[in-house]
Amino acid sequence: MNSRIPISTKEPHRGNSDLVKDIIIGMSDGLTVPFALTAGLSGVLNTTHLIVVSGLSEIAAGCISMGLGGFLAGESEVEHYENELKREYSEIETVPQTELKEVENILISLGVEVPLSKQVAVQISKDKNRWADFMMKLELNMEQPAKNRAAKSAGTIALSYLVGGFIPLFPYIIFSDAKMGFKVSCVVTILALILFGYFKSRVTGQPIIKGTIKIALTGIIAAGAAFGLAKAVS
């Protein structure tokens, strides 16, 4: 008795990559911007009340701004794909021979022999939906955006920013002394930046040590600059 194992023809690489990208965008800004703000304020204030209020205000504004930016970017991606798809359908209708030749050229560039590429192109052209999808993927290098891409992107970026922003802020909530809050915030945030840099390097395929150090230094430099500027102004 032969048992067959069902094989999935689609893999969720697109959705996963979009999710990871949105998390990275939100978390990276969420860690660095509030960290720099609270560090700068701690350079001129002795108590943490104003630091906490300012930090919470910045996190709220950042979540809205980043989320809105993610939504608009997602909407633009969907609109761009739909416009290009309509253009492909229009070209298939108006200049089919030109489009058919483009299919042949794409197949040849992929290593398909000329006689076979002509046969495959003809087979593809029998289904206009498949033909248009082929051109979108292999001519324009465009994948169809996921359903509700804009809303999901906005929510993911905003939530990631919120989580990242609270990491450097919570020591100021715990400690009433701004200097102590600043020291604990530095330690906690640097550790978070290192972990985030490691995670980002792993999922993006970058060298782990280089990527981790790069992310950590970005946050440290931003906070140091804000702290030094606040001290200089005061």
Protein backbone atom coordinates (compact mmCIF):
# COMPACT_ATOMS: atom_id res chain seq x y z
CA MET A 1 0.00 0.00 0.00
CA ASN A 2 1.48 3.32 -1.08
CA SER A 3 0.82 6.39 1.00
CA ARG A 4 1.18 9.78 -0.52
CA ILE A 5 2.39 12.78 1.41
CA PRO A 6 0.60 15.95 0.36
CA ILE A 7 2.99 18.56 -0.90
CA SER A 8 2.16 22.21 -0.49
CA THR A 9 2.70 24.21 -3.66
CA LYS A 10 2.89 27.56 -1.87
CA GLU A 11 5.23 28.59 0.88
CA PRO A 12 4.56 31.62 3.13
CA HIS A 13 7.89 33.32 2.46
CA ARG A 14 6.28 36.56 1.33
CA GLY A 15 4.05 36.97 4.37
CA ASN A 16 6.81 36.04 6.80
CA SER A 17 9.30 38.41 5.21
CA ASP A 18 6.79 41.28 5.37
CA LEU A 19 6.11 40.55 9.05
CA VAL A 20 9.80 40.42 9.94
CA LYS A 21 10.46 43.62 8.00
CA ASP A 22 7.68 45.47 9.84
CA ILE A 23 8.90 44.22 13.23
CA ILE A 24 12.43 45.38 12.45
CA ILE A 25 11.22 48.82 11.35
CA GLY A 26 9.08 49.37 14.44
CA MET A 27 11.45 47.86 16.98
CA SER A 28 14.58 49.62 15.73
CA ASP A 29 12.99 53.07 15.98
CA GLY A 30 11.17 52.16 19.19
CA LEU A 31 14.43 51.29 20.92
CA THR A 32 16.57 54.16 19.67
CA VAL A 33 14.30 57.23 19.61
CA PRO A 34 12.80 57.00 23.14
CA PHE A 35 16.22 55.92 24.44
CA ALA A 36 17.82 59.06 23.00
CA LEU A 37 14.97 61.27 24.28
CA THR A 38 15.02 59.95 27.85
CA ALA A 39 18.82 60.04 27.93
CA GLY A 40 18.81 63.66 26.83
CA LEU A 41 16.22 64.66 29.44
CA SER A 42 18.06 62.81 32.20
CA GLY A 43 21.04 65.03 31.49
CA VAL A 44 19.17 68.11 32.72
CA LEU A 45 16.53 66.74 35.14
CA ASN A 46 16.89 65.23 38.59
CA THR A 47 13.45 63.64 38.87
CA THR A 48 11.85 61.20 36.47
CA HIS A 49 8.28 62.56 36.35
CA LEU A 50 8.80 64.80 33.32
CA ILE A 51 10.98 62.15 31.66
CA VAL A 52 8.23 59.55 31.98
CA VAL A 53 5.53 61.93 30.72
CA SER A 54 7.70 63.00 27.80
CA GLY A 55 8.65 59.41 27.04
CA LEU A 56 5.03 58.24 27.05
CA SER A 57 4.04 61.15 24.80
CA GLU A 58 6.83 60.32 22.38
CA ILE A 59 5.91 56.63 22.31
CA ALA A 60 2.26 57.47 21.63
CA ALA A 61 3.21 59.89 18.86
CA GLY A 62 5.74 57.44 17.46
CA CYS A 63 3.23 54.59 17.36
CA ILE A 64 0.73 56.73 15.49
CA SER A 65 3.32 58.15 13.11
CA MET A 66 5.06 54.85 12.38
CA GLY A 67 1.77 52.97 12.11
CA LEU A 68 0.36 55.56 9.70
CA GLY A 69 3.56 55.42 7.67
CA GLY A 70 3.32 51.63 7.49
CA PHE A 71 -0.32 51.84 6.43
CA LEU A 72 0.39 54.34 3.65
CA ALA A 73 3.38 52.31 2.46
CA GLY A 74 1.26 49.16 2.38
CA GLU A 75 -1.52 50.94 0.49
CA SER A 76 1.00 52.28 -2.02
CA GLU A 77 2.44 48.81 -2.53
CA VAL A 78 -1.01 47.36 -3.24
CA GLU A 79 -1.96 50.21 -5.59
CA HIS A 80 1.34 49.95 -7.46
CA TYR A 81 0.90 46.21 -7.94
CA GLU A 82 -2.69 46.60 -9.15
CA ASN A 83 -1.73 49.36 -11.61
CA GLU A 84 1.10 47.27 -13.04
CA LEU A 85 -1.18 44.24 -13.30
CA LYS A 86 -3.77 46.26 -15.23
CA ARG A 87 -1.04 47.46 -17.56
CA GLU A 88 0.08 43.87 -18.19
CA TYR A 89 -3.49 42.79 -19.02
CA SER A 90 -3.81 45.76 -21.35
CA GLU A 91 -0.56 44.89 -23.16
CA ILE A 92 -1.65 41.25 -23.47
CA GLU A 93 -4.82 42.45 -25.21
CA THR A 94 -3.28 45.16 -27.42
CA VAL A 95 0.21 43.82 -28.26
CA PRO A 96 0.05 40.05 -27.64
CA GLN A 97 2.92 39.21 -30.00
CA THR A 98 5.24 41.60 -28.21
CA GLU A 99 4.29 40.16 -24.84
CA LEU A 100 4.69 36.62 -26.17
CA LYS A 101 8.19 37.47 -27.35
CA GLU A 102 8.99 38.83 -23.90
CA VAL A 103 7.91 35.52 -22.37
CA GLU A 104 10.23 33.69 -24.75
CA ASN A 105 13.13 36.00 -23.87
CA ILE A 106 12.56 35.50 -20.16
CA LEU A 107 12.56 31.71 -20.58
CA ILE A 108 15.71 31.86 -22.70
CA SER A 109 17.43 33.97 -20.02
CA LEU A 110 16.56 31.23 -17.53
CA GLY A 111 18.37 28.66 -19.66
CA VAL A 112 15.47 27.22 -21.66
CA GLU A 113 16.39 26.33 -25.25
CA VAL A 114 14.87 28.52 -27.97
CA PRO A 115 12.55 25.93 -29.55
CA LEU A 116 11.26 24.83 -26.15
CA SER A 117 10.85 28.44 -24.97
CA LYS A 118 8.53 29.11 -27.92
CA GLN A 119 6.39 26.09 -26.99
CA VAL A 120 6.23 27.02 -23.32
CA ALA A 121 5.39 30.64 -24.17
CA VAL A 122 2.46 29.49 -26.30
CA GLN A 123 1.21 27.27 -23.48
CA ILE A 124 1.43 30.13 -20.98
CA SER A 125 -0.39 32.51 -23.34
CA LYS A 126 -3.45 30.25 -23.44
CA ASP A 127 -4.40 31.47 -19.95
CA LYS A 128 -4.38 35.28 -19.66
CA ASN A 129 -4.37 35.21 -15.86
CA ARG A 130 -1.39 32.88 -15.77
CA TRP A 131 0.27 34.94 -18.49
CA ALA A 132 -0.14 38.20 -16.57
CA ASP A 133 1.05 36.55 -13.34
CA PHE A 134 4.13 35.23 -15.16
CA MET A 135 5.00 38.71 -16.41
CA MET A 136 4.47 40.29 -13.01
CA LYS A 137 6.80 37.85 -11.30
CA LEU A 138 9.52 37.32 -13.88
CA GLU A 139 9.50 40.54 -15.87
CA LEU A 140 8.71 43.08 -13.13
CA ASN A 141 9.89 40.99 -10.14
CA MET A 142 6.70 41.83 -8.27
CA GLU A 143 4.81 39.55 -5.90
CA GLN A 144 1.15 40.14 -5.09
CA PRO A 145 0.89 41.88 -1.70
CA ALA A 146 -0.76 39.91 1.08
CA LYS A 147 -4.43 40.49 1.86
CA ASN A 148 -4.95 43.46 4.23
CA ARG A 149 -1.25 44.21 3.87
CA ALA A 150 -1.62 47.89 4.82
CA ALA A 151 -3.59 47.27 8.04
CA LYS A 152 -1.34 44.41 9.14
CA SER A 153 1.77 46.46 8.46
CA ALA A 154 0.44 49.43 10.43
CA GLY A 155 -0.51 47.27 13.42
CA THR A 156 2.78 45.35 13.46
CA ILE A 157 4.97 48.45 13.18
CA ALA A 158 3.00 50.36 15.83
CA LEU A 159 3.03 47.43 18.28
CA SER A 160 6.75 46.83 17.72
CA TYR A 161 7.45 50.51 18.32
CA LEU A 162 5.40 50.38 21.52
CA VAL A 163 7.29 47.37 22.85
CA GLY A 164 10.66 48.81 21.87
CA GLY A 165 9.85 52.22 23.34
CA PHE A 166 8.91 50.90 26.78
CA ILE A 167 12.25 49.12 27.22
CA PRO A 168 14.33 52.29 27.76
CA LEU A 169 11.46 54.05 29.56
CA PHE A 170 10.45 51.58 32.26
CA PRO A 171 13.56 52.15 34.48
CA TYR A 172 12.47 55.78 34.84
CA ILE A 173 9.05 54.54 35.95
CA ILE A 174 10.62 52.32 38.61
CA PHE A 175 13.23 54.76 39.92
CA SER A 176 12.44 58.32 40.99
CA ASP A 177 16.05 59.45 40.62
CA ALA A 178 16.80 60.39 37.02
CA LYS A 179 20.49 59.46 37.23
CA MET A 180 19.70 55.97 38.51
CA GLY A 181 16.98 55.58 35.90
CA PHE A 182 19.44 56.64 33.22
CA LYS A 183 22.06 54.08 34.31
CA VAL A 184 19.56 51.22 34.44
CA SER A 185 18.00 52.33 31.16
CA CYS A 186 21.41 52.28 29.48
CA VAL A 187 22.13 48.73 30.64
CA VAL A 188 18.69 47.39 29.78
CA THR A 189 18.49 49.12 26.42
CA ILE A 190 22.00 48.14 25.33
CA LEU A 191 21.20 44.51 26.14
CA ALA A 192 17.94 44.84 24.21
CA LEU A 193 19.79 46.39 21.26
CA ILE A 194 22.28 43.53 21.26
CA LEU A 195 19.50 40.93 21.31
CA PHE A 196 17.59 42.81 18.62
CA GLY A 197 20.72 43.14 16.50
CA TYR A 198 21.31 39.41 16.83
CA PHE A 199 17.71 38.64 15.84
CA LYS A 200 17.81 41.03 12.89
CA SER A 201 21.10 39.59 11.65
CA ARG A 202 19.78 36.05 11.87
CA VAL A 203 16.58 36.68 9.94
CA THR A 204 18.17 38.94 7.30
CA GLY A 205 21.20 36.73 6.72
CA GLN A 206 23.75 39.39 7.70
CA PRO A 207 26.97 38.54 9.56
CA ILE A 208 25.79 38.11 13.15
CA ILE A 209 28.63 39.89 14.96
CA LYS A 210 28.76 42.80 12.51
CA GLY A 211 24.98 43.23 12.47
CA THR A 212 24.68 43.04 16.25
CA ILE A 213 27.43 45.60 16.86
CA LYS A 214 25.97 47.91 14.20
CA ILE A 215 22.52 47.99 15.82
CA ALA A 216 23.90 48.41 19.33
CA LEU A 217 26.23 51.25 18.30
CA THR A 218 23.40 53.08 16.53
CA GLY A 219 21.36 53.25 19.73
CA ILE A 220 24.37 54.12 21.90
CA ILE A 221 25.49 56.93 19.59
CA ALA A 222 21.97 58.37 19.38
CA ALA A 223 21.56 58.36 23.17
CA GLY A 224 25.06 59.71 23.76
CA ALA A 225 24.51 62.56 21.31
CA ALA A 226 21.18 63.49 22.92
CA PHE A 227 22.64 63.32 26.44
CA GLY A 228 25.68 65.43 25.47
CA LEU A 229 23.56 68.01 23.65
CA ALA A 230 21.22 68.39 26.62
CA LYS A 231 24.20 68.84 28.95
CA ALA A 232 25.75 71.42 26.64
CA VAL A 233 22.53 73.42 26.32
CA SER A 234 21.88 73.35 30.07
